[in-house]
Amino acid sequence: FASGSGPGIEYLDSDGSKKSKEYSLTDGVLDGPYTEYQSSGSALAQQ
């Protein structure tokens, strides 16, 4: 974060490194591009 806003990555519990989602928060609220991945951690699920 920088002054309440910033990008982040959410990971799958089963692995601890495979990406589940990528999105940005502004003051704790979803705001900006959103990407969700399939269970492989690389294939796209929705954007």
ModelCIF file with pLDDT and N, C-alpha, C, O atoms, coordinates in Angstrom:
data_MODEL
#
_entry.id   MODEL 
#
_entity.id                         1 
_entity.type                       polymer 
_entity.pdbx_number_of_molecules   1 
#
_entity_poly.entity_id                      1 
_entity_poly.type                           'polypeptide(L)' 
_entity_poly.nstd_linkage                   no 
_entity_poly.nstd_monomer                   no 
_entity_poly.pdbx_seq_one_letter_code       FASGSGPGIEYLDSDGSKKSKEYSLTDGVLDGPYTEYQSSGSALAQQ 
_entity_poly.pdbx_seq_one_letter_code_can   FASGSGPGIEYLDSDGSKKSKEYSLTDGVLDGPYTEYQSSGSALAQQ 
_entity_poly.pdbx_strand_id                 A 
#
loop_
_entity_poly_seq.entity_id 
_entity_poly_seq.num 
_entity_poly_seq.mon_id 
_entity_poly_seq.hetero 
1 1  PHE n 
1 2  ALA n 
1 3  SER n 
1 4  GLY n 
1 5  SER n 
1 6  GLY n 
1 7  PRO n 
1 8  GLY n 
1 9  ILE n 
1 10 GLU n 
1 11 TYR n 
1 12 LEU n 
1 13 ASP n 
1 14 SER n 
1 15 ASP n 
1 16 GLY n 
1 17 SER n 
1 18 LYS n 
1 19 LYS n 
1 20 SER n 
1 21 LYS n 
1 22 GLU n 
1 23 TYR n 
1 24 SER n 
1 25 LEU n 
1 26 THR n 
1 27 ASP n 
1 28 GLY n 
1 29 VAL n 
1 30 LEU n 
1 31 ASP n 
1 32 GLY n 
1 33 PRO n 
1 34 TYR n 
1 35 THR n 
1 36 GLU n 
1 37 TYR n 
1 38 GLN n 
1 39 SER n 
1 40 SER n 
1 41 GLY n 
1 42 SER n 
1 43 ALA n 
1 44 LEU n 
1 45 ALA n 
1 46 GLN n 
1 47 GLN n 
#
_struct_asym.id          A 
_struct_asym.entity_id   1 
#
loop_
_ma_qa_metric.id 
_ma_qa_metric.mode 
_ma_qa_metric.name 
_ma_qa_metric.software_group_id 
_ma_qa_metric.type 
1 global pLDDT . pLDDT 
2 local  pLDDT . pLDDT 
#
_ma_qa_metric_global.metric_id      1 
_ma_qa_metric_global.metric_value   90.17 
_ma_qa_metric_global.model_id       1 
_ma_qa_metric_global.ordinal_id     1 
#
loop_
_ma_qa_metric_local.label_asym_id 
_ma_qa_metric_local.label_comp_id 
_ma_qa_metric_local.label_seq_id 
_ma_qa_metric_local.metric_id 
_ma_qa_metric_local.metric_value 
_ma_qa_metric_local.model_id 
_ma_qa_metric_local.ordinal_id 
A PHE 1  2 97.00 1 1  
A ALA 2  2 96.00 1 2  
A SER 3  2 93.00 1 3  
A GLY 4  2 92.00 1 4  
A SER 5  2 94.00 1 5  
A GLY 6  2 96.00 1 6  
A PRO 7  2 96.00 1 7  
A GLY 8  2 96.00 1 8  
A ILE 9  2 95.00 1 9  
A GLU 10 2 94.00 1 10 
A TYR 11 2 93.00 1 11 
A LEU 12 2 88.00 1 12 
A ASP 13 2 79.00 1 13 
A SER 14 2 73.00 1 14 
A ASP 15 2 73.00 1 15 
A GLY 16 2 75.00 1 16 
A SER 17 2 78.00 1 17 
A LYS 18 2 89.00 1 18 
A LYS 19 2 91.00 1 19 
A SER 20 2 94.00 1 20 
A LYS 21 2 95.00 1 21 
A GLU 22 2 96.00 1 22 
A TYR 23 2 97.00 1 23 
A SER 24 2 96.00 1 24 
A LEU 25 2 93.00 1 25 
A THR 26 2 89.00 1 26 
A ASP 27 2 84.00 1 27 
A GLY 28 2 82.00 1 28 
A VAL 29 2 84.00 1 29 
A LEU 30 2 90.00 1 30 
A ASP 31 2 92.00 1 31 
A GLY 32 2 95.00 1 32 
A PRO 33 2 96.00 1 33 
A TYR 34 2 97.00 1 34 
A THR 35 2 96.00 1 35 
A GLU 36 2 95.00 1 36 
A TYR 37 2 94.00 1 37 
A GLN 38 2 92.00 1 38 
A SER 39 2 86.00 1 39 
A SER 40 2 80.00 1 40 
A GLY 41 2 79.00 1 41 
A SER 42 2 80.00 1 42 
A ALA 43 2 90.00 1 43 
A LEU 44 2 93.00 1 44 
A ALA 45 2 94.00 1 45 
A GLN 46 2 95.00 1 46 
A GLN 47 2 96.00 1 47 
#
loop_
_atom_site.group_PDB 
_atom_site.id 
_atom_site.type_symbol 
_atom_site.label_atom_id 
_atom_site.label_alt_id 
_atom_site.label_comp_id 
_atom_site.label_asym_id 
_atom_site.label_entity_id 
_atom_site.label_seq_id 
_atom_site.pdbx_PDB_ins_code 
_atom_site.Cartn_x 
_atom_site.Cartn_y 
_atom_site.Cartn_z 
_atom_site.occupancy 
_atom_site.B_iso_or_equiv 
_atom_site.pdbx_formal_charge 
_atom_site.auth_seq_id 
_atom_site.auth_comp_id 
_atom_site.auth_asym_id 
_atom_site.auth_atom_id 
_atom_site.pdbx_PDB_model_num 
ATOM 1   N N  . PHE A 1 1  ? 0.814   -1.212  0.000   1.00 97.00 ? 1  PHE A N  1 
ATOM 2   C CA . PHE A 1 1  ? 0.000   0.000   0.000   1.00 97.00 ? 1  PHE A CA 1 
ATOM 3   C C  . PHE A 1 1  ? 0.852   1.269   0.000   1.00 97.00 ? 1  PHE A C  1 
ATOM 4   O O  . PHE A 1 1  ? 1.972   1.301   0.509   1.00 97.00 ? 1  PHE A O  1 
ATOM 5   N N  . ALA A 1 2  ? 0.279   2.295   -0.584  1.00 96.00 ? 2  ALA A N  1 
ATOM 6   C CA . ALA A 1 2  ? 0.836   3.646   -0.501  1.00 96.00 ? 2  ALA A CA 1 
ATOM 7   C C  . ALA A 1 2  ? -0.340  4.572   -0.212  1.00 96.00 ? 2  ALA A C  1 
ATOM 8   O O  . ALA A 1 2  ? -1.187  4.797   -1.077  1.00 96.00 ? 2  ALA A O  1 
ATOM 9   N N  . SER A 1 3  ? -0.389  5.102   0.995   1.00 93.00 ? 3  SER A N  1 
ATOM 10  C CA . SER A 1 3  ? -1.480  5.989   1.419   1.00 93.00 ? 3  SER A CA 1 
ATOM 11  C C  . SER A 1 3  ? -2.857  5.376   1.197   1.00 93.00 ? 3  SER A C  1 
ATOM 12  O O  . SER A 1 3  ? -3.765  6.040   0.697   1.00 93.00 ? 3  SER A O  1 
ATOM 13  N N  . GLY A 1 4  ? -3.011  4.107   1.569   1.00 92.00 ? 4  GLY A N  1 
ATOM 14  C CA . GLY A 1 4  ? -4.312  3.456   1.556   1.00 92.00 ? 4  GLY A CA 1 
ATOM 15  C C  . GLY A 1 4  ? -4.692  2.744   0.279   1.00 92.00 ? 4  GLY A C  1 
ATOM 16  O O  . GLY A 1 4  ? -5.705  2.045   0.252   1.00 92.00 ? 4  GLY A O  1 
ATOM 17  N N  . SER A 1 5  ? -3.918  2.894   -0.780  1.00 94.00 ? 5  SER A N  1 
ATOM 18  C CA . SER A 1 5  ? -4.232  2.253   -2.058  1.00 94.00 ? 5  SER A CA 1 
ATOM 19  C C  . SER A 1 5  ? -3.072  1.373   -2.507  1.00 94.00 ? 5  SER A C  1 
ATOM 20  O O  . SER A 1 5  ? -1.905  1.692   -2.285  1.00 94.00 ? 5  SER A O  1 
ATOM 21  N N  . GLY A 1 6  ? -3.421  0.258   -3.145  1.00 96.00 ? 6  GLY A N  1 
ATOM 22  C CA . GLY A 1 6  ? -2.349  -0.577  -3.660  1.00 96.00 ? 6  GLY A CA 1 
ATOM 23  C C  . GLY A 1 6  ? -2.818  -1.904  -4.208  1.00 96.00 ? 6  GLY A C  1 
ATOM 24  O O  . GLY A 1 6  ? -3.904  -2.376  -3.871  1.00 96.00 ? 6  GLY A O  1 
ATOM 25  N N  . PRO A 1 7  ? -1.993  -2.515  -5.062  1.00 96.00 ? 7  PRO A N  1 
ATOM 26  C CA . PRO A 1 7  ? -2.324  -3.801  -5.652  1.00 96.00 ? 7  PRO A CA 1 
ATOM 27  C C  . PRO A 1 7  ? -1.930  -4.951  -4.744  1.00 96.00 ? 7  PRO A C  1 
ATOM 28  O O  . PRO A 1 7  ? -1.062  -4.819  -3.881  1.00 96.00 ? 7  PRO A O  1 
ATOM 29  N N  . GLY A 1 8  ? -2.590  -6.086  -4.960  1.00 96.00 ? 8  GLY A N  1 
ATOM 30  C CA . GLY A 1 8  ? -2.258  -7.247  -4.158  1.00 96.00 ? 8  GLY A CA 1 
ATOM 31  C C  . GLY A 1 8  ? -2.569  -8.542  -4.876  1.00 96.00 ? 8  GLY A C  1 
ATOM 32  O O  . GLY A 1 8  ? -3.209  -8.559  -5.927  1.00 96.00 ? 8  GLY A O  1 
ATOM 33  N N  . ILE A 1 9  ? -2.102  -9.618  -4.283  1.00 95.00 ? 9  ILE A N  1 
ATOM 34  C CA . ILE A 1 9  ? -2.310  -10.960 -4.826  1.00 95.00 ? 9  ILE A CA 1 
ATOM 35  C C  . ILE A 1 9  ? -2.854  -11.858 -3.736  1.00 95.00 ? 9  ILE A C  1 
ATOM 36  O O  . ILE A 1 9  ? -2.405  -11.804 -2.591  1.00 95.00 ? 9  ILE A O  1 
ATOM 37  N N  . GLU A 1 10 ? -3.829  -12.690 -4.098  1.00 94.00 ? 10 GLU A N  1 
ATOM 38  C CA . GLU A 1 10 ? -4.389  -13.684 -3.191  1.00 94.00 ? 10 GLU A CA 1 
ATOM 39  C C  . GLU A 1 10 ? -3.936  -15.062 -3.676  1.00 94.00 ? 10 GLU A C  1 
ATOM 40  O O  . GLU A 1 10 ? -3.908  -15.327 -4.878  1.00 94.00 ? 10 GLU A O  1 
ATOM 41  N N  . TYR A 1 11 ? -3.578  -15.950 -2.716  1.00 93.00 ? 11 TYR A N  1 
ATOM 42  C CA . TYR A 1 11 ? -2.998  -17.241 -3.066  1.00 93.00 ? 11 TYR A CA 1 
ATOM 43  C C  . TYR A 1 11 ? -3.892  -18.406 -2.632  1.00 93.00 ? 11 TYR A C  1 
ATOM 44  O O  . TYR A 1 11 ? -4.735  -18.275 -1.744  1.00 93.00 ? 11 TYR A O  1 
ATOM 45  N N  . LEU A 1 12 ? -3.675  -19.563 -3.298  1.00 88.00 ? 12 LEU A N  1 
ATOM 46  C CA . LEU A 1 12 ? -4.405  -20.782 -2.949  1.00 88.00 ? 12 LEU A CA 1 
ATOM 47  C C  . LEU A 1 12 ? -3.809  -21.406 -1.696  1.00 88.00 ? 12 LEU A C  1 
ATOM 48  O O  . LEU A 1 12 ? -2.588  -21.507 -1.581  1.00 88.00 ? 12 LEU A O  1 
ATOM 49  N N  . ASP A 1 13 ? -4.649  -21.828 -0.753  1.00 79.00 ? 13 ASP A N  1 
ATOM 50  C CA . ASP A 1 13 ? -4.183  -22.412 0.497   1.00 79.00 ? 13 ASP A CA 1 
ATOM 51  C C  . ASP A 1 13 ? -3.387  -23.692 0.267   1.00 79.00 ? 13 ASP A C  1 
ATOM 52  O O  . ASP A 1 13 ? -2.430  -23.968 0.991   1.00 79.00 ? 13 ASP A O  1 
ATOM 53  N N  . SER A 1 14 ? -3.779  -24.473 -0.741  1.00 73.00 ? 14 SER A N  1 
ATOM 54  C CA . SER A 1 14 ? -3.161  -25.777 -0.964  1.00 73.00 ? 14 SER A CA 1 
ATOM 55  C C  . SER A 1 14 ? -1.692  -25.690 -1.331  1.00 73.00 ? 14 SER A C  1 
ATOM 56  O O  . SER A 1 14 ? -0.945  -26.649 -1.142  1.00 73.00 ? 14 SER A O  1 
ATOM 57  N N  . ASP A 1 15 ? -1.273  -24.546 -1.855  1.00 73.00 ? 15 ASP A N  1 
ATOM 58  C CA . ASP A 1 15 ? 0.094   -24.418 -2.329  1.00 73.00 ? 15 ASP A CA 1 
ATOM 59  C C  . ASP A 1 15 ? 0.866   -23.324 -1.604  1.00 73.00 ? 15 ASP A C  1 
ATOM 60  O O  . ASP A 1 15 ? 2.020   -23.518 -1.223  1.00 73.00 ? 15 ASP A O  1 
ATOM 61  N N  . GLY A 1 16 ? 0.230   -22.180 -1.416  1.00 75.00 ? 16 GLY A N  1 
ATOM 62  C CA . GLY A 1 16 ? 0.916   -21.083 -0.747  1.00 75.00 ? 16 GLY A CA 1 
ATOM 63  C C  . GLY A 1 16 ? 1.662   -20.183 -1.691  1.00 75.00 ? 16 GLY A C  1 
ATOM 64  O O  . GLY A 1 16 ? 2.204   -19.161 -1.270  1.00 75.00 ? 16 GLY A O  1 
ATOM 65  N N  . SER A 1 17 ? 1.706   -20.546 -2.994  1.00 78.00 ? 17 SER A N  1 
ATOM 66  C CA . SER A 1 17 ? 2.376   -19.680 -3.963  1.00 78.00 ? 17 SER A CA 1 
ATOM 67  C C  . SER A 1 17 ? 1.568   -19.503 -5.245  1.00 78.00 ? 17 SER A C  1 
ATOM 68  O O  . SER A 1 17 ? 1.771   -18.524 -5.964  1.00 78.00 ? 17 SER A O  1 
ATOM 69  N N  . LYS A 1 18 ? 0.663   -20.422 -5.544  1.00 89.00 ? 18 LYS A N  1 
ATOM 70  C CA . LYS A 1 18 ? -0.163  -20.289 -6.745  1.00 89.00 ? 18 LYS A CA 1 
ATOM 71  C C  . LYS A 1 18 ? -1.164  -19.152 -6.565  1.00 89.00 ? 18 LYS A C  1 
ATOM 72  O O  . LYS A 1 18 ? -1.832  -19.044 -5.537  1.00 89.00 ? 18 LYS A O  1 
ATOM 73  N N  . LYS A 1 19 ? -1.248  -18.309 -7.589  1.00 91.00 ? 19 LYS A N  1 
ATOM 74  C CA . LYS A 1 19 ? -2.159  -17.166 -7.509  1.00 91.00 ? 19 LYS A CA 1 
ATOM 75  C C  . LYS A 1 19 ? -3.613  -17.606 -7.645  1.00 91.00 ? 19 LYS A C  1 
ATOM 76  O O  . LYS A 1 19 ? -3.942  -18.466 -8.462  1.00 91.00 ? 19 LYS A O  1 
ATOM 77  N N  . SER A 1 20 ? -4.467  -17.007 -6.838  1.00 94.00 ? 20 SER A N  1 
ATOM 78  C CA . SER A 1 20 ? -5.904  -17.213 -6.926  1.00 94.00 ? 20 SER A CA 1 
ATOM 79  C C  . SER A 1 20 ? -6.594  -15.986 -7.535  1.00 94.00 ? 20 SER A C  1 
ATOM 80  O O  . SER A 1 20 ? -7.471  -16.108 -8.389  1.00 94.00 ? 20 SER A O  1 
ATOM 81  N N  . LYS A 1 21 ? -6.169  -14.789 -7.067  1.00 95.00 ? 21 LYS A N  1 
ATOM 82  C CA . LYS A 1 21 ? -6.770  -13.540 -7.544  1.00 95.00 ? 21 LYS A CA 1 
ATOM 83  C C  . LYS A 1 21 ? -5.728  -12.425 -7.511  1.00 95.00 ? 21 LYS A C  1 
ATOM 84  O O  . LYS A 1 21 ? -4.779  -12.466 -6.729  1.00 95.00 ? 21 LYS A O  1 
ATOM 85  N N  . GLU A 1 22 ? -5.922  -11.439 -8.367  1.00 96.00 ? 22 GLU A N  1 
ATOM 86  C CA . GLU A 1 22 ? -5.148  -10.203 -8.343  1.00 96.00 ? 22 GLU A CA 1 
ATOM 87  C C  . GLU A 1 22 ? -6.128  -9.039  -8.416  1.00 96.00 ? 22 GLU A C  1 
ATOM 88  O O  . GLU A 1 22 ? -7.013  -9.023  -9.272  1.00 96.00 ? 22 GLU A O  1 
ATOM 89  N N  . TYR A 1 23 ? -5.973  -8.057  -7.518  1.00 97.00 ? 23 TYR A N  1 
ATOM 90  C CA . TYR A 1 23 ? -6.883  -6.921  -7.503  1.00 97.00 ? 23 TYR A CA 1 
ATOM 91  C C  . TYR A 1 23 ? -6.269  -5.799  -6.676  1.00 97.00 ? 23 TYR A C  1 
ATOM 92  O O  . TYR A 1 23 ? -5.235  -5.980  -6.033  1.00 97.00 ? 23 TYR A O  1 
ATOM 93  N N  . SER A 1 24 ? -6.908  -4.656  -6.701  1.00 96.00 ? 24 SER A N  1 
ATOM 94  C CA . SER A 1 24 ? -6.429  -3.498  -5.946  1.00 96.00 ? 24 SER A CA 1 
ATOM 95  C C  . SER A 1 24 ? -7.468  -3.067  -4.918  1.00 96.00 ? 24 SER A C  1 
ATOM 96  O O  . SER A 1 24 ? -8.670  -3.244  -5.116  1.00 96.00 ? 24 SER A O  1 
ATOM 97  N N  . LEU A 1 25 ? -6.987  -2.505  -3.827  1.00 93.00 ? 25 LEU A N  1 
ATOM 98  C CA . LEU A 1 25 ? -7.849  -1.979  -2.778  1.00 93.00 ? 25 LEU A CA 1 
ATOM 99  C C  . LEU A 1 25 ? -7.576  -0.498  -2.575  1.00 93.00 ? 25 LEU A C  1 
ATOM 100 O O  . LEU A 1 25 ? -6.439  -0.039  -2.672  1.00 93.00 ? 25 LEU A O  1 
ATOM 101 N N  . THR A 1 26 ? -8.643  0.238   -2.291  1.00 89.00 ? 26 THR A N  1 
ATOM 102 C CA . THR A 1 26 ? -8.527  1.637   -1.895  1.00 89.00 ? 26 THR A CA 1 
ATOM 103 C C  . THR A 1 26 ? -9.297  1.800   -0.598  1.00 89.00 ? 26 THR A C  1 
ATOM 104 O O  . THR A 1 26 ? -10.522 1.686   -0.575  1.00 89.00 ? 26 THR A O  1 
ATOM 105 N N  . ASP A 1 27 ? -8.583  2.063   0.466   1.00 84.00 ? 27 ASP A N  1 
ATOM 106 C CA . ASP A 1 27 ? -9.191  2.158   1.797   1.00 84.00 ? 27 ASP A CA 1 
ATOM 107 C C  . ASP A 1 27 ? -10.014 0.910   2.116   1.00 84.00 ? 27 ASP A C  1 
ATOM 108 O O  . ASP A 1 27 ? -11.118 1.002   2.652   1.00 84.00 ? 27 ASP A O  1 
ATOM 109 N N  . GLY A 1 28 ? -9.460  -0.259  1.778   1.00 82.00 ? 28 GLY A N  1 
ATOM 110 C CA . GLY A 1 28 ? -10.092 -1.532  2.104   1.00 82.00 ? 28 GLY A CA 1 
ATOM 111 C C  . GLY A 1 28 ? -11.200 -1.965  1.171   1.00 82.00 ? 28 GLY A C  1 
ATOM 112 O O  . GLY A 1 28 ? -11.844 -2.986  1.413   1.00 82.00 ? 28 GLY A O  1 
ATOM 113 N N  . VAL A 1 29 ? -11.437 -1.212  0.106   1.00 84.00 ? 29 VAL A N  1 
ATOM 114 C CA . VAL A 1 29 ? -12.532 -1.514  -0.818  1.00 84.00 ? 29 VAL A CA 1 
ATOM 115 C C  . VAL A 1 29 ? -11.969 -1.877  -2.191  1.00 84.00 ? 29 VAL A C  1 
ATOM 116 O O  . VAL A 1 29 ? -11.035 -1.240  -2.678  1.00 84.00 ? 29 VAL A O  1 
ATOM 117 N N  . LEU A 1 30 ? -12.557 -2.922  -2.817  1.00 90.00 ? 30 LEU A N  1 
ATOM 118 C CA . LEU A 1 30 ? -12.149 -3.304  -4.167  1.00 90.00 ? 30 LEU A CA 1 
ATOM 119 C C  . LEU A 1 30 ? -12.321 -2.124  -5.112  1.00 90.00 ? 30 LEU A C  1 
ATOM 120 O O  . LEU A 1 30 ? -13.384 -1.506  -5.161  1.00 90.00 ? 30 LEU A O  1 
ATOM 121 N N  . ASP A 1 31 ? -11.258 -1.814  -5.867  1.00 92.00 ? 31 ASP A N  1 
ATOM 122 C CA . ASP A 1 31 ? -11.308 -0.661  -6.746  1.00 92.00 ? 31 ASP A CA 1 
ATOM 123 C C  . ASP A 1 31 ? -10.241 -0.818  -7.825  1.00 92.00 ? 31 ASP A C  1 
ATOM 124 O O  . ASP A 1 31 ? -9.048  -0.704  -7.545  1.00 92.00 ? 31 ASP A O  1 
ATOM 125 N N  . GLY A 1 32 ? -10.671 -1.079  -9.054  1.00 95.00 ? 32 GLY A N  1 
ATOM 126 C CA . GLY A 1 32 ? -9.721  -1.244  -10.140 1.00 95.00 ? 32 GLY A CA 1 
ATOM 127 C C  . GLY A 1 32 ? -9.843  -2.596  -10.814 1.00 95.00 ? 32 GLY A C  1 
ATOM 128 O O  . GLY A 1 32 ? -10.790 -3.335  -10.546 1.00 95.00 ? 32 GLY A O  1 
ATOM 129 N N  . PRO A 1 33 ? -8.886  -2.939  -11.698 1.00 96.00 ? 33 PRO A N  1 
ATOM 130 C CA . PRO A 1 33 ? -8.923  -4.213  -12.420 1.00 96.00 ? 33 PRO A CA 1 
ATOM 131 C C  . PRO A 1 33 ? -8.912  -5.408  -11.469 1.00 96.00 ? 33 PRO A C  1 
ATOM 132 O O  . PRO A 1 33 ? -8.261  -5.388  -10.425 1.00 96.00 ? 33 PRO A O  1 
ATOM 133 N N  . TYR A 1 34 ? -9.649  -6.450  -11.859 1.00 97.00 ? 34 TYR A N  1 
ATOM 134 C CA . TYR A 1 34 ? -9.770  -7.655  -11.050 1.00 97.00 ? 34 TYR A CA 1 
ATOM 135 C C  . TYR A 1 34 ? -9.547  -8.873  -11.948 1.00 97.00 ? 34 TYR A C  1 
ATOM 136 O O  . TYR A 1 34 ? -10.152 -8.978  -13.015 1.00 97.00 ? 34 TYR A O  1 
ATOM 137 N N  . THR A 1 35 ? -8.683  -9.787  -11.519 1.00 96.00 ? 35 THR A N  1 
ATOM 138 C CA . THR A 1 35 ? -8.411  -11.022 -12.260 1.00 96.00 ? 35 THR A CA 1 
ATOM 139 C C  . THR A 1 35 ? -8.504  -12.207 -11.315 1.00 96.00 ? 35 THR A C  1 
ATOM 140 O O  . THR A 1 35 ? -7.919  -12.194 -10.232 1.00 96.00 ? 35 THR A O  1 
ATOM 141 N N  . GLU A 1 36 ? -9.237  -13.225 -11.725 1.00 95.00 ? 36 GLU A N  1 
ATOM 142 C CA . GLU A 1 36 ? -9.346  -14.455 -10.950 1.00 95.00 ? 36 GLU A CA 1 
ATOM 143 C C  . GLU A 1 36 ? -8.812  -15.615 -11.785 1.00 95.00 ? 36 GLU A C  1 
ATOM 144 O O  . GLU A 1 36 ? -9.071  -15.702 -12.985 1.00 95.00 ? 36 GLU A O  1 
ATOM 145 N N  . TYR A 1 37 ? -8.056  -16.512 -11.125 1.00 94.00 ? 37 TYR A N  1 
ATOM 146 C CA . TYR A 1 37 ? -7.419  -17.630 -11.822 1.00 94.00 ? 37 TYR A CA 1 
ATOM 147 C C  . TYR A 1 37 ? -8.084  -18.957 -11.483 1.00 94.00 ? 37 TYR A C  1 
ATOM 148 O O  . TYR A 1 37 ? -8.735  -19.098 -10.448 1.00 94.00 ? 37 TYR A O  1 
ATOM 149 N N  . GLN A 1 38 ? -7.909  -19.928 -12.379 1.00 92.00 ? 38 GLN A N  1 
ATOM 150 C CA . GLN A 1 38 ? -8.388  -21.270 -12.129 1.00 92.00 ? 38 GLN A CA 1 
ATOM 151 C C  . GLN A 1 38 ? -7.450  -21.971 -11.150 1.00 92.00 ? 38 GLN A C  1 
ATOM 152 O O  . GLN A 1 38 ? -6.427  -21.411 -10.757 1.00 92.00 ? 38 GLN A O  1 
ATOM 153 N N  . SER A 1 39 ? -7.798  -23.190 -10.760 1.00 86.00 ? 39 SER A N  1 
ATOM 154 C CA . SER A 1 39 ? -7.057  -23.882 -9.698  1.00 86.00 ? 39 SER A CA 1 
ATOM 155 C C  . SER A 1 39 ? -5.587  -24.133 -10.033 1.00 86.00 ? 39 SER A C  1 
ATOM 156 O O  . SER A 1 39 ? -4.789  -24.417 -9.140  1.00 86.00 ? 39 SER A O  1 
ATOM 157 N N  . SER A 1 40 ? -5.227  -24.030 -11.304 1.00 80.00 ? 40 SER A N  1 
ATOM 158 C CA . SER A 1 40 ? -3.825  -24.209 -11.691 1.00 80.00 ? 40 SER A CA 1 
ATOM 159 C C  . SER A 1 40 ? -2.964  -23.054 -11.212 1.00 80.00 ? 40 SER A C  1 
ATOM 160 O O  . SER A 1 40 ? -1.748  -23.190 -11.076 1.00 80.00 ? 40 SER A O  1 
ATOM 161 N N  . GLY A 1 41 ? -3.604  -21.907 -10.955 1.00 79.00 ? 41 GLY A N  1 
ATOM 162 C CA . GLY A 1 41 ? -2.866  -20.737 -10.505 1.00 79.00 ? 41 GLY A CA 1 
ATOM 163 C C  . GLY A 1 41 ? -2.342  -19.880 -11.632 1.00 79.00 ? 41 GLY A C  1 
ATOM 164 O O  . GLY A 1 41 ? -1.736  -18.838 -11.381 1.00 79.00 ? 41 GLY A O  1 
ATOM 165 N N  . SER A 1 42 ? -2.562  -20.298 -12.892 1.00 80.00 ? 42 SER A N  1 
ATOM 166 C CA . SER A 1 42 ? -2.083  -19.515 -14.029 1.00 80.00 ? 42 SER A CA 1 
ATOM 167 C C  . SER A 1 42 ? -3.167  -19.273 -15.074 1.00 80.00 ? 42 SER A C  1 
ATOM 168 O O  . SER A 1 42 ? -3.209  -18.207 -15.689 1.00 80.00 ? 42 SER A O  1 
ATOM 169 N N  . ALA A 1 43 ? -4.055  -20.264 -15.283 1.00 90.00 ? 43 ALA A N  1 
ATOM 170 C CA . ALA A 1 43 ? -5.115  -20.115 -16.274 1.00 90.00 ? 43 ALA A CA 1 
ATOM 171 C C  . ALA A 1 43 ? -6.179  -19.142 -15.782 1.00 90.00 ? 43 ALA A C  1 
ATOM 172 O O  . ALA A 1 43 ? -6.594  -19.200 -14.625 1.00 90.00 ? 43 ALA A O  1 
ATOM 173 N N  . LEU A 1 44 ? -6.617  -18.248 -16.664 1.00 93.00 ? 44 LEU A N  1 
ATOM 174 C CA . LEU A 1 44 ? -7.615  -17.249 -16.300 1.00 93.00 ? 44 LEU A CA 1 
ATOM 175 C C  . LEU A 1 44 ? -8.981  -17.875 -16.048 1.00 93.00 ? 44 LEU A C  1 
ATOM 176 O O  . LEU A 1 44 ? -9.366  -18.836 -16.715 1.00 93.00 ? 44 LEU A O  1 
ATOM 177 N N  . ALA A 1 45 ? -9.716  -17.320 -15.073 1.00 94.00 ? 45 ALA A N  1 
ATOM 178 C CA . ALA A 1 45 ? -11.090 -17.737 -14.788 1.00 94.00 ? 45 ALA A CA 1 
ATOM 179 C C  . ALA A 1 45 ? -12.067 -16.615 -15.124 1.00 94.00 ? 45 ALA A C  1 
ATOM 180 O O  . ALA A 1 45 ? -13.091 -16.850 -15.765 1.00 94.00 ? 45 ALA A O  1 
ATOM 181 N N  . GLN A 1 46 ? -11.748 -15.386 -14.688 1.00 95.00 ? 46 GLN A N  1 
ATOM 182 C CA . GLN A 1 46 ? -12.573 -14.238 -15.046 1.00 95.00 ? 46 GLN A CA 1 
ATOM 183 C C  . GLN A 1 46 ? -11.796 -12.947 -14.850 1.00 95.00 ? 46 GLN A C  1 
ATOM 184 O O  . GLN A 1 46 ? -10.853 -12.889 -14.061 1.00 95.00 ? 46 GLN A O  1 
ATOM 185 N N  . GLN A 1 47 ? -12.205 -11.908 -15.581 1.00 96.00 ? 47 GLN A N  1 
ATOM 186 C CA . GLN A 1 47 ? -11.584 -10.600 -15.482 1.00 96.00 ? 47 GLN A CA 1 
ATOM 187 C C  . GLN A 1 47 ? -12.654 -9.518  -15.582 1.00 96.00 ? 47 GLN A C  1 
ATOM 188 O O  . GLN A 1 47 ? -12.338 -8.329  -15.520 1.00 96.00 ? 47 GLN A O  1 
#
